[in-house]
């Protein structure tokens, strides 16, 4: 459908499309500021200490403007983790695509990519550990996104003959084990003096030795 045309101040015909586009861009920028502000406030004060007033103050928008984009404080809080989750998946995907073509290299890319993203997005740690209680819908969607993506990755390795497990139920259990390892390792090794840091190298090395011996078929066993 063609853009609507209206008379300009001097009688010429001008399009409404640029004006609408500017309004849409401004609205998206405001929404993004509210999102970024909410992530910072949750990271500093926790979910329970996060209010609409604190979010809008940090985003430098009027408090009433908040409700043009979100129905409630909880609506925004439940959208935070899924939005970060998508960025995490993209970060890990790029690492995997850059890795050499081997199951070990891809798993190394997945685990190191996760820890890299955690360090680069320090507020994510608090959001993950409080989210199950304070933002259950958002936490559920985050977990679902991560699990389904990991299961697809493991199914890819299975189809190529690299996994020691074969059934769908086994892959589901393996996915939960690997996701659990991320959670516990980050809680134990990635918090130092209140800062989120990379785990020591021996943590990754131990993880990879466990994965390679327990999860993947020996390379010569996959040869034609």
N, C-alpha and C. Protein backbone atom coordinates (compact mmCIF):
# COMPACT_ATOMS: atom_id res chain seq x y z
N UNK A 1 0.85 -1.19 0.00
CA UNK A 1 0.00 0.00 0.00
C UNK A 1 0.88 1.23 0.00
N UNK A 2 0.58 2.21 -0.84
CA UNK A 2 1.41 3.40 -0.96
C UNK A 2 1.29 4.25 0.29
N UNK A 3 2.37 5.00 0.58
CA UNK A 3 2.36 5.90 1.73
C UNK A 3 1.34 7.00 1.49
N UNK A 4 0.65 7.43 2.56
CA UNK A 4 -0.34 8.50 2.45
C UNK A 4 0.36 9.80 2.12
N UNK A 5 -0.30 10.64 1.32
CA UNK A 5 0.27 11.93 0.94
C UNK A 5 -0.63 13.03 1.48
N UNK A 6 -0.04 14.11 2.01
CA UNK A 6 -0.80 15.23 2.54
C UNK A 6 -0.20 16.52 2.01
N UNK A 7 -1.01 17.59 1.94
CA UNK A 7 -0.47 18.86 1.46
C UNK A 7 0.53 19.43 2.44
N UNK A 8 1.63 19.96 1.92
CA UNK A 8 2.62 20.62 2.77
C UNK A 8 2.21 22.06 3.03
N UNK A 9 3.05 22.81 3.76
CA UNK A 9 2.72 24.19 4.14
C UNK A 9 2.57 25.08 2.92
N UNK A 10 3.27 24.79 1.85
CA UNK A 10 3.21 25.63 0.65
C UNK A 10 2.35 25.00 -0.43
N UNK A 11 1.61 23.96 -0.07
CA UNK A 11 0.71 23.33 -1.03
C UNK A 11 1.27 22.12 -1.71
N UNK A 12 2.59 21.85 -1.55
CA UNK A 12 3.17 20.69 -2.20
C UNK A 12 2.71 19.44 -1.47
N UNK A 13 2.79 18.30 -2.16
CA UNK A 13 2.39 17.03 -1.57
C UNK A 13 3.60 16.37 -0.93
N UNK A 14 3.47 16.00 0.35
CA UNK A 14 4.57 15.34 1.07
C UNK A 14 4.06 14.04 1.65
N UNK A 15 4.96 13.14 1.96
CA UNK A 15 4.60 11.82 2.48
C UNK A 15 4.63 11.81 4.00
N UNK A 16 3.70 11.04 4.59
CA UNK A 16 3.69 10.86 6.04
C UNK A 16 4.70 9.82 6.50
N UNK A 17 5.21 9.03 5.58
CA UNK A 17 6.06 7.90 5.98
C UNK A 17 7.28 8.32 6.78
N UNK A 18 8.07 9.34 6.35
CA UNK A 18 9.23 9.73 7.15
C UNK A 18 8.86 10.13 8.57
N UNK A 19 7.72 10.87 8.71
CA UNK A 19 7.31 11.31 10.04
C UNK A 19 6.99 10.10 10.91
N UNK A 20 6.25 9.15 10.35
CA UNK A 20 5.91 7.95 11.11
C UNK A 20 7.16 7.15 11.45
N UNK A 21 8.10 7.09 10.51
CA UNK A 21 9.34 6.36 10.74
C UNK A 21 10.12 6.98 11.89
N UNK A 22 10.17 8.31 11.94
CA UNK A 22 10.87 8.98 13.03
C UNK A 22 10.20 8.69 14.36
N UNK A 23 8.87 8.68 14.37
CA UNK A 23 8.15 8.37 15.61
C UNK A 23 8.45 6.95 16.06
N UNK A 24 8.48 6.02 15.11
CA UNK A 24 8.75 4.62 15.45
C UNK A 24 10.17 4.46 15.99
N UNK A 25 11.12 5.16 15.36
CA UNK A 25 12.51 5.08 15.81
C UNK A 25 12.66 5.66 17.22
N UNK A 26 11.96 6.77 17.48
CA UNK A 26 12.02 7.38 18.81
C UNK A 26 11.41 6.46 19.85
N UNK A 27 10.29 5.82 19.48
CA UNK A 27 9.64 4.90 20.41
C UNK A 27 10.54 3.70 20.71
N UNK A 28 11.18 3.16 19.69
CA UNK A 28 12.07 2.02 19.89
C UNK A 28 13.27 2.40 20.74
N UNK A 29 13.78 3.61 20.54
CA UNK A 29 14.92 4.07 21.33
C UNK A 29 14.52 4.23 22.80
N UNK A 30 13.32 4.73 23.04
CA UNK A 30 12.84 4.89 24.42
C UNK A 30 12.66 3.53 25.08
N UNK A 31 12.09 2.59 24.34
CA UNK A 31 11.90 1.24 24.88
C UNK A 31 13.25 0.60 25.21
N UNK A 32 14.22 0.79 24.33
CA UNK A 32 15.55 0.23 24.55
C UNK A 32 16.20 0.85 25.80
N UNK A 33 15.99 2.16 26.02
CA UNK A 33 16.54 2.80 27.22
C UNK A 33 15.91 2.24 28.48
N UNK A 34 14.61 1.99 28.43
CA UNK A 34 13.92 1.41 29.58
C UNK A 34 14.44 0.00 29.87
N UNK A 35 14.66 -0.77 28.81
CA UNK A 35 15.22 -2.11 28.96
C UNK A 35 16.60 -2.05 29.60
N UNK A 36 17.47 -1.22 29.05
CA UNK A 36 18.84 -1.11 29.55
C UNK A 36 18.85 -0.64 31.00
N UNK A 37 17.99 0.33 31.31
CA UNK A 37 17.92 0.85 32.67
C UNK A 37 17.43 -0.23 33.63
N UNK A 38 16.44 -1.01 33.21
CA UNK A 38 15.90 -2.07 34.07
C UNK A 38 16.97 -3.12 34.37
N UNK A 39 17.76 -3.48 33.37
CA UNK A 39 18.82 -4.47 33.57
C UNK A 39 19.84 -3.95 34.59
N UNK A 40 20.21 -2.69 34.48
CA UNK A 40 21.16 -2.10 35.43
C UNK A 40 20.58 -2.05 36.84
N UNK A 41 19.33 -1.63 36.95
CA UNK A 41 18.72 -1.50 38.28
C UNK A 41 18.56 -2.87 38.94
N UNK A 42 18.13 -3.87 38.17
CA UNK A 42 18.01 -5.22 38.72
C UNK A 42 19.38 -5.72 39.15
N UNK A 43 20.41 -5.47 38.34
CA UNK A 43 21.76 -5.90 38.68
C UNK A 43 22.28 -5.26 39.95
N UNK A 44 21.87 -4.02 40.21
CA UNK A 44 22.35 -3.31 41.39
C UNK A 44 21.49 -3.56 42.63
N UNK A 45 20.18 -3.63 42.44
CA UNK A 45 19.25 -3.69 43.58
C UNK A 45 18.49 -5.01 43.70
N UNK A 46 18.64 -5.89 42.70
CA UNK A 46 17.86 -7.11 42.71
C UNK A 46 16.45 -6.84 42.21
N UNK A 47 15.73 -7.91 41.89
CA UNK A 47 14.36 -7.75 41.39
C UNK A 47 13.48 -7.05 42.43
N UNK A 48 13.59 -7.48 43.68
CA UNK A 48 12.71 -6.95 44.73
C UNK A 48 12.92 -5.46 44.94
N UNK A 49 14.15 -4.98 44.74
CA UNK A 49 14.43 -3.57 44.94
C UNK A 49 14.23 -2.71 43.71
N UNK A 50 13.74 -3.31 42.63
CA UNK A 50 13.55 -2.59 41.37
C UNK A 50 12.13 -2.05 41.29
N UNK A 51 12.01 -0.76 41.04
CA UNK A 51 10.70 -0.12 40.91
C UNK A 51 10.61 0.61 39.59
N UNK A 52 9.40 0.93 39.18
CA UNK A 52 9.19 1.71 37.96
C UNK A 52 9.87 3.07 38.10
N UNK A 53 9.80 3.66 39.29
CA UNK A 53 10.42 4.96 39.50
C UNK A 53 11.93 4.91 39.28
N UNK A 54 12.58 3.87 39.81
CA UNK A 54 14.03 3.75 39.63
C UNK A 54 14.39 3.53 38.16
N UNK A 55 13.59 2.71 37.47
CA UNK A 55 13.85 2.42 36.06
C UNK A 55 13.72 3.68 35.21
N UNK A 56 12.63 4.41 35.39
CA UNK A 56 12.40 5.60 34.57
C UNK A 56 13.40 6.71 34.91
N UNK A 57 13.77 6.80 36.18
CA UNK A 57 14.79 7.78 36.57
C UNK A 57 16.11 7.48 35.88
N UNK A 58 16.49 6.19 35.85
CA UNK A 58 17.74 5.78 35.20
C UNK A 58 17.66 5.99 33.69
N UNK A 59 16.49 5.73 33.12
CA UNK A 59 16.31 5.87 31.66
C UNK A 59 16.08 7.31 31.23
N UNK A 60 15.85 8.19 32.22
CA UNK A 60 15.59 9.61 31.95
C UNK A 60 14.34 9.81 31.10
N UNK A 61 13.27 9.11 31.50
CA UNK A 61 11.97 9.32 30.87
C UNK A 61 10.93 9.53 31.96
N UNK A 62 9.81 10.13 31.61
CA UNK A 62 8.73 10.36 32.58
C UNK A 62 8.15 9.02 33.03
N UNK A 63 7.74 8.96 34.30
CA UNK A 63 7.25 7.69 34.82
C UNK A 63 6.02 7.21 34.06
N UNK A 64 5.16 8.15 33.64
CA UNK A 64 3.97 7.77 32.89
C UNK A 64 4.30 7.15 31.54
N UNK A 65 5.46 7.54 30.97
CA UNK A 65 5.87 7.01 29.67
C UNK A 65 6.09 5.50 29.73
N UNK A 66 6.49 5.02 30.89
CA UNK A 66 6.76 3.59 31.06
C UNK A 66 5.59 2.75 30.58
N UNK A 67 4.37 3.20 30.89
CA UNK A 67 3.18 2.40 30.60
C UNK A 67 2.73 2.47 29.14
N UNK A 68 3.44 3.26 28.35
CA UNK A 68 3.23 3.22 26.90
C UNK A 68 3.90 1.99 26.29
N UNK A 69 4.82 1.37 27.04
CA UNK A 69 5.61 0.27 26.51
C UNK A 69 5.41 -1.04 27.27
N UNK A 70 5.04 -0.95 28.53
CA UNK A 70 4.86 -2.15 29.35
C UNK A 70 3.60 -2.01 30.20
N UNK A 71 2.90 -3.10 30.35
CA UNK A 71 1.64 -3.02 31.10
C UNK A 71 1.87 -2.89 32.59
N UNK A 72 3.02 -3.34 33.07
CA UNK A 72 3.30 -3.29 34.50
C UNK A 72 4.80 -3.48 34.72
N UNK A 73 5.23 -3.26 35.94
CA UNK A 73 6.62 -3.54 36.32
C UNK A 73 6.95 -5.00 36.04
N UNK A 74 6.04 -5.91 36.41
CA UNK A 74 6.31 -7.33 36.23
C UNK A 74 6.40 -7.70 34.76
N UNK A 75 5.61 -7.03 33.93
CA UNK A 75 5.66 -7.27 32.48
C UNK A 75 7.08 -7.03 31.96
N UNK A 76 7.68 -5.92 32.35
CA UNK A 76 9.05 -5.62 31.92
C UNK A 76 10.03 -6.63 32.50
N UNK A 77 9.92 -6.92 33.79
CA UNK A 77 10.87 -7.83 34.42
C UNK A 77 10.83 -9.20 33.76
N UNK A 78 9.65 -9.64 33.34
CA UNK A 78 9.54 -10.95 32.69
C UNK A 78 10.07 -10.95 31.26
N UNK A 79 10.31 -9.77 30.69
CA UNK A 79 10.87 -9.71 29.34
C UNK A 79 12.40 -9.61 29.33
N UNK A 80 12.98 -9.29 30.49
CA UNK A 80 14.42 -9.03 30.52
C UNK A 80 15.25 -10.27 30.21
N UNK A 81 15.03 -11.35 30.96
CA UNK A 81 15.85 -12.55 30.76
C UNK A 81 15.73 -13.13 29.34
N UNK A 82 14.51 -13.25 28.79
CA UNK A 82 14.44 -13.77 27.41
C UNK A 82 15.20 -12.90 26.41
N UNK A 83 15.17 -11.59 26.60
CA UNK A 83 15.88 -10.71 25.65
C UNK A 83 17.39 -10.91 25.76
N UNK A 84 17.90 -11.07 26.97
CA UNK A 84 19.32 -11.33 27.16
C UNK A 84 19.67 -12.73 26.67
N UNK A 85 18.74 -13.66 26.87
CA UNK A 85 18.96 -15.04 26.45
C UNK A 85 19.23 -15.14 24.96
N UNK A 86 18.48 -14.38 24.17
CA UNK A 86 18.67 -14.37 22.71
C UNK A 86 20.07 -13.86 22.37
N UNK A 87 20.53 -12.83 23.07
CA UNK A 87 21.88 -12.30 22.83
C UNK A 87 22.94 -13.32 23.22
N UNK A 88 22.71 -14.04 24.31
CA UNK A 88 23.64 -15.09 24.72
C UNK A 88 23.75 -16.17 23.66
N UNK A 89 22.61 -16.61 23.13
CA UNK A 89 22.62 -17.64 22.09
C UNK A 89 23.38 -17.17 20.85
N UNK A 90 23.20 -15.91 20.49
CA UNK A 90 23.89 -15.37 19.32
C UNK A 90 25.40 -15.31 19.56
N UNK A 91 25.79 -14.93 20.77
CA UNK A 91 27.22 -14.87 21.10
C UNK A 91 27.85 -16.26 21.00
N UNK A 92 27.18 -17.25 21.58
CA UNK A 92 27.70 -18.62 21.54
C UNK A 92 27.70 -19.16 20.12
N UNK A 93 26.65 -18.86 19.36
CA UNK A 93 26.57 -19.33 17.97
C UNK A 93 27.76 -18.85 17.15
N UNK A 94 28.14 -17.59 17.32
CA UNK A 94 29.28 -17.05 16.59
C UNK A 94 30.58 -17.77 16.99
N UNK A 95 30.70 -18.07 18.27
CA UNK A 95 31.89 -18.80 18.74
C UNK A 95 31.94 -20.20 18.12
N UNK A 96 30.80 -20.87 18.07
CA UNK A 96 30.74 -22.23 17.53
C UNK A 96 31.06 -22.22 16.04
N UNK A 97 30.51 -21.27 15.32
CA UNK A 97 30.75 -21.19 13.88
C UNK A 97 32.23 -20.92 13.57
N UNK A 98 32.92 -20.22 14.48
CA UNK A 98 34.33 -19.90 14.26
C UNK A 98 35.25 -21.04 14.68
N UNK A 99 34.71 -22.03 15.40
CA UNK A 99 35.54 -23.14 15.88
C UNK A 99 35.83 -24.13 14.76
N UNK A 100 36.86 -24.95 14.96
CA UNK A 100 37.16 -25.98 13.96
C UNK A 100 36.05 -27.03 13.97
N UNK A 101 35.98 -27.80 12.90
CA UNK A 101 34.89 -28.76 12.73
C UNK A 101 35.16 -30.04 13.52
N UNK A 102 34.94 -29.96 14.84
CA UNK A 102 35.04 -31.14 15.69
C UNK A 102 34.10 -30.95 16.87
N UNK A 103 33.55 -32.04 17.41
CA UNK A 103 32.61 -31.91 18.53
C UNK A 103 33.27 -31.32 19.76
N UNK A 104 34.54 -31.64 19.99
CA UNK A 104 35.25 -31.11 21.15
C UNK A 104 35.43 -29.60 21.02
N UNK A 105 35.83 -29.14 19.84
CA UNK A 105 36.01 -27.70 19.62
C UNK A 105 34.70 -26.95 19.77
N UNK A 106 33.61 -27.55 19.29
CA UNK A 106 32.32 -26.87 19.41
C UNK A 106 31.86 -26.80 20.86
N UNK A 107 32.06 -27.86 21.63
CA UNK A 107 31.67 -27.81 23.04
C UNK A 107 32.54 -26.83 23.81
N UNK A 108 33.81 -26.77 23.47
CA UNK A 108 34.70 -25.79 24.09
C UNK A 108 34.20 -24.37 23.78
N UNK A 109 33.77 -24.15 22.55
CA UNK A 109 33.24 -22.84 22.17
C UNK A 109 31.96 -22.52 22.94
N UNK A 110 31.14 -23.54 23.18
CA UNK A 110 29.88 -23.30 23.90
C UNK A 110 30.13 -22.91 25.35
N UNK A 111 31.00 -23.66 26.03
CA UNK A 111 31.20 -23.36 27.45
C UNK A 111 31.99 -22.07 27.65
N UNK A 112 33.03 -21.84 26.84
CA UNK A 112 33.78 -20.59 26.99
C UNK A 112 32.97 -19.39 26.52
N UNK A 113 32.12 -19.59 25.51
CA UNK A 113 31.25 -18.51 25.07
C UNK A 113 30.28 -18.09 26.16
N UNK A 114 29.76 -19.07 26.90
CA UNK A 114 28.86 -18.76 28.00
C UNK A 114 29.57 -17.92 29.06
N UNK A 115 30.77 -18.32 29.46
CA UNK A 115 31.49 -17.59 30.51
C UNK A 115 31.91 -16.21 30.03
N UNK A 116 32.27 -16.09 28.76
CA UNK A 116 32.61 -14.78 28.20
C UNK A 116 31.41 -13.84 28.29
N UNK A 117 30.24 -14.35 27.89
CA UNK A 117 29.04 -13.51 27.89
C UNK A 117 28.67 -13.11 29.32
N UNK A 118 28.84 -14.04 30.25
CA UNK A 118 28.52 -13.75 31.65
C UNK A 118 29.40 -12.62 32.16
N UNK A 119 30.67 -12.65 31.81
CA UNK A 119 31.57 -11.57 32.23
C UNK A 119 31.21 -10.25 31.57
N UNK A 120 30.84 -10.29 30.30
CA UNK A 120 30.48 -9.07 29.57
C UNK A 120 29.13 -8.52 29.98
N UNK A 121 28.27 -9.36 30.55
CA UNK A 121 26.93 -8.96 30.97
C UNK A 121 26.77 -9.31 32.44
N UNK A 122 27.49 -8.62 33.33
CA UNK A 122 27.58 -9.02 34.74
C UNK A 122 26.24 -9.06 35.47
N UNK A 123 25.29 -8.23 35.03
CA UNK A 123 23.99 -8.23 35.71
C UNK A 123 23.22 -9.53 35.48
N UNK A 124 23.61 -10.28 34.46
CA UNK A 124 22.92 -11.53 34.16
C UNK A 124 23.02 -12.51 35.32
N UNK A 125 24.13 -12.51 36.04
CA UNK A 125 24.31 -13.47 37.13
C UNK A 125 23.23 -13.30 38.19
N UNK A 126 23.03 -12.08 38.65
CA UNK A 126 21.99 -11.83 39.66
C UNK A 126 20.60 -12.14 39.09
N UNK A 127 20.38 -11.78 37.84
CA UNK A 127 19.07 -12.03 37.23
C UNK A 127 18.77 -13.51 37.15
N UNK A 128 19.77 -14.32 36.83
CA UNK A 128 19.57 -15.77 36.75
C UNK A 128 19.28 -16.36 38.11
N UNK A 129 19.98 -15.90 39.13
CA UNK A 129 19.86 -16.52 40.44
C UNK A 129 18.66 -16.01 41.24
N UNK A 130 18.07 -14.91 40.81
CA UNK A 130 16.85 -14.43 41.46
C UNK A 130 15.62 -14.63 40.58
N UNK A 131 15.86 -14.85 39.30
CA UNK A 131 14.76 -14.85 38.33
C UNK A 131 13.71 -15.92 38.55
N UNK A 132 14.10 -17.09 39.01
CA UNK A 132 13.14 -18.18 39.17
C UNK A 132 12.02 -17.80 40.12
N UNK A 133 12.32 -16.95 41.12
CA UNK A 133 11.32 -16.53 42.10
C UNK A 133 10.69 -15.20 41.72
N UNK A 134 11.52 -14.25 41.31
CA UNK A 134 11.04 -12.88 41.11
C UNK A 134 10.47 -12.60 39.72
N UNK A 135 10.90 -13.36 38.73
CA UNK A 135 10.39 -13.18 37.36
C UNK A 135 10.21 -14.56 36.74
N UNK A 136 9.31 -15.37 37.30
CA UNK A 136 9.21 -16.78 36.90
C UNK A 136 8.87 -17.01 35.44
N UNK A 137 8.03 -16.16 34.86
CA UNK A 137 7.67 -16.35 33.45
C UNK A 137 8.87 -16.07 32.56
N UNK A 138 9.59 -14.99 32.84
CA UNK A 138 10.79 -14.69 32.07
C UNK A 138 11.87 -15.73 32.25
N UNK A 139 12.02 -16.23 33.48
CA UNK A 139 13.01 -17.27 33.75
C UNK A 139 12.67 -18.54 32.99
N UNK A 140 11.39 -18.91 32.98
CA UNK A 140 10.96 -20.11 32.27
C UNK A 140 11.27 -20.00 30.78
N UNK A 141 11.00 -18.84 30.19
CA UNK A 141 11.26 -18.64 28.77
C UNK A 141 12.75 -18.67 28.48
N UNK A 142 13.55 -18.08 29.37
CA UNK A 142 15.00 -18.12 29.20
C UNK A 142 15.51 -19.56 29.21
N UNK A 143 15.10 -20.31 30.22
CA UNK A 143 15.55 -21.71 30.33
C UNK A 143 15.13 -22.51 29.12
N UNK A 144 13.90 -22.30 28.68
CA UNK A 144 13.39 -23.03 27.51
C UNK A 144 14.22 -22.72 26.26
N UNK A 145 14.54 -21.45 26.06
CA UNK A 145 15.36 -21.06 24.91
C UNK A 145 16.73 -21.74 24.95
N UNK A 146 17.37 -21.71 26.12
CA UNK A 146 18.70 -22.27 26.25
C UNK A 146 18.69 -23.79 26.08
N UNK A 147 17.72 -24.45 26.70
CA UNK A 147 17.66 -25.91 26.62
C UNK A 147 17.37 -26.38 25.20
N UNK A 148 16.40 -25.77 24.55
CA UNK A 148 16.05 -26.19 23.18
C UNK A 148 17.22 -25.99 22.24
N UNK A 149 17.96 -24.89 22.42
CA UNK A 149 19.12 -24.64 21.56
C UNK A 149 20.21 -25.67 21.81
N UNK A 150 20.46 -25.99 23.08
CA UNK A 150 21.50 -26.97 23.41
C UNK A 150 21.11 -28.36 22.89
N UNK A 151 19.84 -28.70 23.00
CA UNK A 151 19.38 -30.00 22.51
C UNK A 151 19.58 -30.11 21.00
N UNK A 152 19.32 -29.02 20.28
CA UNK A 152 19.55 -29.03 18.82
C UNK A 152 21.02 -29.22 18.52
N UNK A 153 21.88 -28.57 19.32
CA UNK A 153 23.32 -28.72 19.11
C UNK A 153 23.77 -30.16 19.34
N UNK A 154 23.25 -30.79 20.39
CA UNK A 154 23.63 -32.17 20.69
C UNK A 154 23.04 -33.14 19.67
N UNK A 155 21.86 -32.84 19.18
CA UNK A 155 21.26 -33.68 18.14
C UNK A 155 22.11 -33.62 16.88
N UNK A 156 22.67 -32.46 16.58
CA UNK A 156 23.58 -32.32 15.44
C UNK A 156 24.80 -33.22 15.61
N UNK A 157 25.36 -33.22 16.84
CA UNK A 157 26.52 -34.08 17.10
C UNK A 157 26.12 -35.56 17.02
N UNK A 158 24.92 -35.89 17.47
CA UNK A 158 24.46 -37.28 17.42
C UNK A 158 24.32 -37.75 15.98
N UNK A 159 23.73 -36.91 15.13
CA UNK A 159 23.54 -37.29 13.72
C UNK A 159 24.87 -37.54 13.04
N UNK A 160 25.91 -36.88 13.47
CA UNK A 160 27.23 -37.07 12.86
C UNK A 160 28.02 -38.21 13.52
N UNK A 161 27.39 -38.87 14.48
CA UNK A 161 28.02 -40.03 15.09
C UNK A 161 29.02 -39.72 16.18
N UNK A 162 28.94 -38.53 16.76
CA UNK A 162 29.93 -38.11 17.75
C UNK A 162 29.52 -38.36 19.19
N UNK A 163 28.23 -38.60 19.46
CA UNK A 163 27.77 -38.76 20.84
C UNK A 163 27.70 -40.22 21.25
N UNK A 164 27.97 -40.48 22.52
CA UNK A 164 27.83 -41.82 23.06
C UNK A 164 26.37 -42.15 23.38
N UNK A 165 25.53 -41.12 23.52
CA UNK A 165 24.11 -41.35 23.75
C UNK A 165 23.38 -41.20 22.43
N UNK A 166 22.21 -41.83 22.33
CA UNK A 166 21.52 -41.80 21.04
C UNK A 166 20.04 -41.44 21.14
N UNK A 167 19.37 -41.86 22.21
CA UNK A 167 17.95 -41.62 22.31
C UNK A 167 17.59 -40.20 22.69
N UNK A 168 16.37 -39.80 22.37
CA UNK A 168 15.90 -38.45 22.68
C UNK A 168 15.91 -38.19 24.19
N UNK A 169 15.49 -39.19 24.97
CA UNK A 169 15.46 -39.03 26.43
C UNK A 169 16.87 -38.87 26.98
N UNK A 170 17.84 -39.59 26.41
CA UNK A 170 19.22 -39.47 26.87
C UNK A 170 19.79 -38.09 26.55
N UNK A 171 19.46 -37.58 25.37
CA UNK A 171 19.92 -36.24 24.99
C UNK A 171 19.30 -35.19 25.91
N UNK A 172 18.04 -35.39 26.27
CA UNK A 172 17.38 -34.46 27.19
C UNK A 172 18.09 -34.45 28.54
N UNK A 173 18.42 -35.64 29.06
CA UNK A 173 19.12 -35.73 30.34
C UNK A 173 20.51 -35.11 30.25
N UNK A 174 21.21 -35.37 29.15
CA UNK A 174 22.55 -34.83 28.96
C UNK A 174 22.50 -33.30 28.91
N UNK A 175 21.51 -32.77 28.24
CA UNK A 175 21.35 -31.31 28.17
C UNK A 175 21.18 -30.71 29.55
N UNK A 176 20.33 -31.33 30.37
CA UNK A 176 20.11 -30.82 31.73
C UNK A 176 21.40 -30.87 32.54
N UNK A 177 22.19 -31.92 32.38
CA UNK A 177 23.46 -32.04 33.10
C UNK A 177 24.43 -30.93 32.70
N UNK A 178 24.53 -30.66 31.41
CA UNK A 178 25.45 -29.63 30.93
C UNK A 178 25.00 -28.23 31.35
N UNK A 179 23.69 -27.98 31.30
CA UNK A 179 23.17 -26.70 31.74
C UNK A 179 23.39 -26.53 33.24
N UNK A 180 23.20 -27.61 34.00
CA UNK A 180 23.45 -27.54 35.43
C UNK A 180 24.91 -27.24 35.75
N UNK A 181 25.81 -27.82 34.95
CA UNK A 181 27.24 -27.56 35.15
C UNK A 181 27.55 -26.09 34.96
N UNK A 182 26.98 -25.47 33.96
CA UNK A 182 27.17 -24.03 33.75
C UNK A 182 26.78 -23.25 35.00
N UNK A 183 25.59 -23.58 35.52
CA UNK A 183 25.04 -22.85 36.65
C UNK A 183 25.93 -22.97 37.88
N UNK A 184 26.30 -24.19 38.23
CA UNK A 184 27.08 -24.40 39.45
C UNK A 184 28.51 -23.90 39.31
N UNK A 185 29.10 -24.09 38.15
CA UNK A 185 30.47 -23.60 37.95
C UNK A 185 30.53 -22.07 38.00
N UNK A 186 29.54 -21.41 37.41
CA UNK A 186 29.54 -19.94 37.45
C UNK A 186 29.35 -19.44 38.88
N UNK A 187 28.46 -20.10 39.65
CA UNK A 187 28.23 -19.69 41.04
C UNK A 187 29.48 -19.89 41.90
N UNK A 188 30.22 -20.94 41.62
CA UNK A 188 31.40 -21.27 42.44
C UNK A 188 32.65 -20.50 42.02
N UNK A 189 32.85 -20.28 40.73
CA UNK A 189 34.14 -19.78 40.26
C UNK A 189 34.10 -18.41 39.58
N UNK A 190 32.92 -17.86 39.31
CA UNK A 190 32.87 -16.62 38.52
C UNK A 190 32.54 -15.37 39.32
N UNK A 191 32.44 -15.50 40.63
CA UNK A 191 32.19 -14.32 41.47
C UNK A 191 33.42 -14.11 42.36
N UNK A 192 34.05 -12.95 42.18
CA UNK A 192 35.26 -12.65 42.95
C UNK A 192 35.20 -11.21 43.44
N UNK A 193 35.15 -11.05 44.76
CA UNK A 193 35.07 -9.70 45.36
C UNK A 193 33.92 -8.89 44.79
N UNK A 194 32.81 -9.57 44.58
CA UNK A 194 31.62 -8.88 44.08
C UNK A 194 31.60 -8.64 42.59
N UNK A 195 32.65 -9.04 41.89
CA UNK A 195 32.73 -8.86 40.43
C UNK A 195 32.53 -10.19 39.73
N UNK A 196 31.99 -10.13 38.50
CA UNK A 196 31.82 -11.33 37.68
C UNK A 196 33.04 -11.47 36.79
N UNK A 197 33.72 -12.61 36.89
CA UNK A 197 34.98 -12.81 36.18
C UNK A 197 34.95 -14.15 35.45
N UNK A 198 35.95 -14.35 34.60
CA UNK A 198 36.13 -15.64 33.94
C UNK A 198 36.56 -16.67 34.98
N UNK A 199 36.14 -17.92 34.84
CA UNK A 199 36.62 -18.95 35.78
C UNK A 199 38.09 -19.24 35.51
N UNK A 200 38.82 -19.76 36.50
CA UNK A 200 40.21 -20.16 36.27
C UNK A 200 40.31 -21.19 35.15
N UNK A 201 41.45 -21.23 34.49
CA UNK A 201 41.61 -22.12 33.34
C UNK A 201 41.43 -23.59 33.72
N UNK A 202 41.79 -23.95 34.96
CA UNK A 202 41.66 -25.36 35.33
C UNK A 202 40.20 -25.81 35.38
N UNK A 203 39.29 -24.87 35.57
CA UNK A 203 37.86 -25.21 35.59
C UNK A 203 37.42 -25.65 34.20
N UNK A 204 37.80 -24.88 33.18
CA UNK A 204 37.45 -25.23 31.80
C UNK A 204 38.14 -26.54 31.41
N UNK A 205 39.40 -26.68 31.78
CA UNK A 205 40.14 -27.90 31.43
C UNK A 205 39.50 -29.14 32.06
N UNK A 206 39.09 -29.03 33.33
CA UNK A 206 38.44 -30.16 34.00
C UNK A 206 37.10 -30.48 33.35
N UNK A 207 36.34 -29.43 33.04
CA UNK A 207 35.05 -29.61 32.38
C UNK A 207 35.24 -30.34 31.05
N UNK A 208 36.20 -29.90 30.27
CA UNK A 208 36.41 -30.49 28.96
C UNK A 208 36.90 -31.93 29.04
N UNK A 209 37.74 -32.25 30.01
CA UNK A 209 38.18 -33.65 30.17
C UNK A 209 36.98 -34.54 30.49
N UNK A 210 36.10 -34.05 31.35
CA UNK A 210 34.91 -34.81 31.70
C UNK A 210 34.01 -35.00 30.49
N UNK A 211 33.80 -33.94 29.74
CA UNK A 211 32.92 -33.99 28.57
C UNK A 211 33.49 -34.92 27.50
N UNK A 212 34.77 -34.76 27.19
CA UNK A 212 35.38 -35.54 26.12
C UNK A 212 35.35 -37.04 26.44
N UNK A 213 35.65 -37.39 27.68
CA UNK A 213 35.69 -38.81 28.04
C UNK A 213 34.30 -39.41 28.24
N UNK A 214 33.36 -38.61 28.73
CA UNK A 214 32.05 -39.16 29.06
C UNK A 214 30.98 -38.98 28.00
N UNK A 215 31.21 -38.07 27.07
CA UNK A 215 30.13 -37.67 26.18
C UNK A 215 30.41 -38.01 24.70
N UNK A 216 31.65 -37.85 24.30
CA UNK A 216 31.97 -37.99 22.88
C UNK A 216 32.64 -39.32 22.55
N UNK A 217 32.33 -39.82 21.39
CA UNK A 217 32.97 -41.03 20.85
C UNK A 217 34.41 -40.68 20.49
N UNK A 218 35.32 -41.63 20.69
CA UNK A 218 36.71 -41.40 20.32
C UNK A 218 36.79 -41.10 18.82
N UNK A 219 37.65 -40.16 18.40
CA UNK A 219 37.73 -39.76 16.99
C UNK A 219 37.89 -40.92 16.02
N UNK A 220 38.75 -41.90 16.36
CA UNK A 220 38.98 -43.01 15.43
C UNK A 220 37.74 -43.89 15.26
N UNK A 221 36.85 -43.85 16.26
CA UNK A 221 35.64 -44.66 16.17
C UNK A 221 34.64 -44.12 15.18
N UNK A 222 34.81 -42.84 14.79
CA UNK A 222 33.89 -42.24 13.84
C UNK A 222 34.41 -42.28 12.42
N UNK A 223 35.62 -42.75 12.24
CA UNK A 223 36.21 -42.80 10.89
C UNK A 223 35.51 -43.82 10.04
N UNK A 224 35.42 -43.55 8.76
CA UNK A 224 34.80 -44.50 7.81
C UNK A 224 35.73 -45.67 7.57
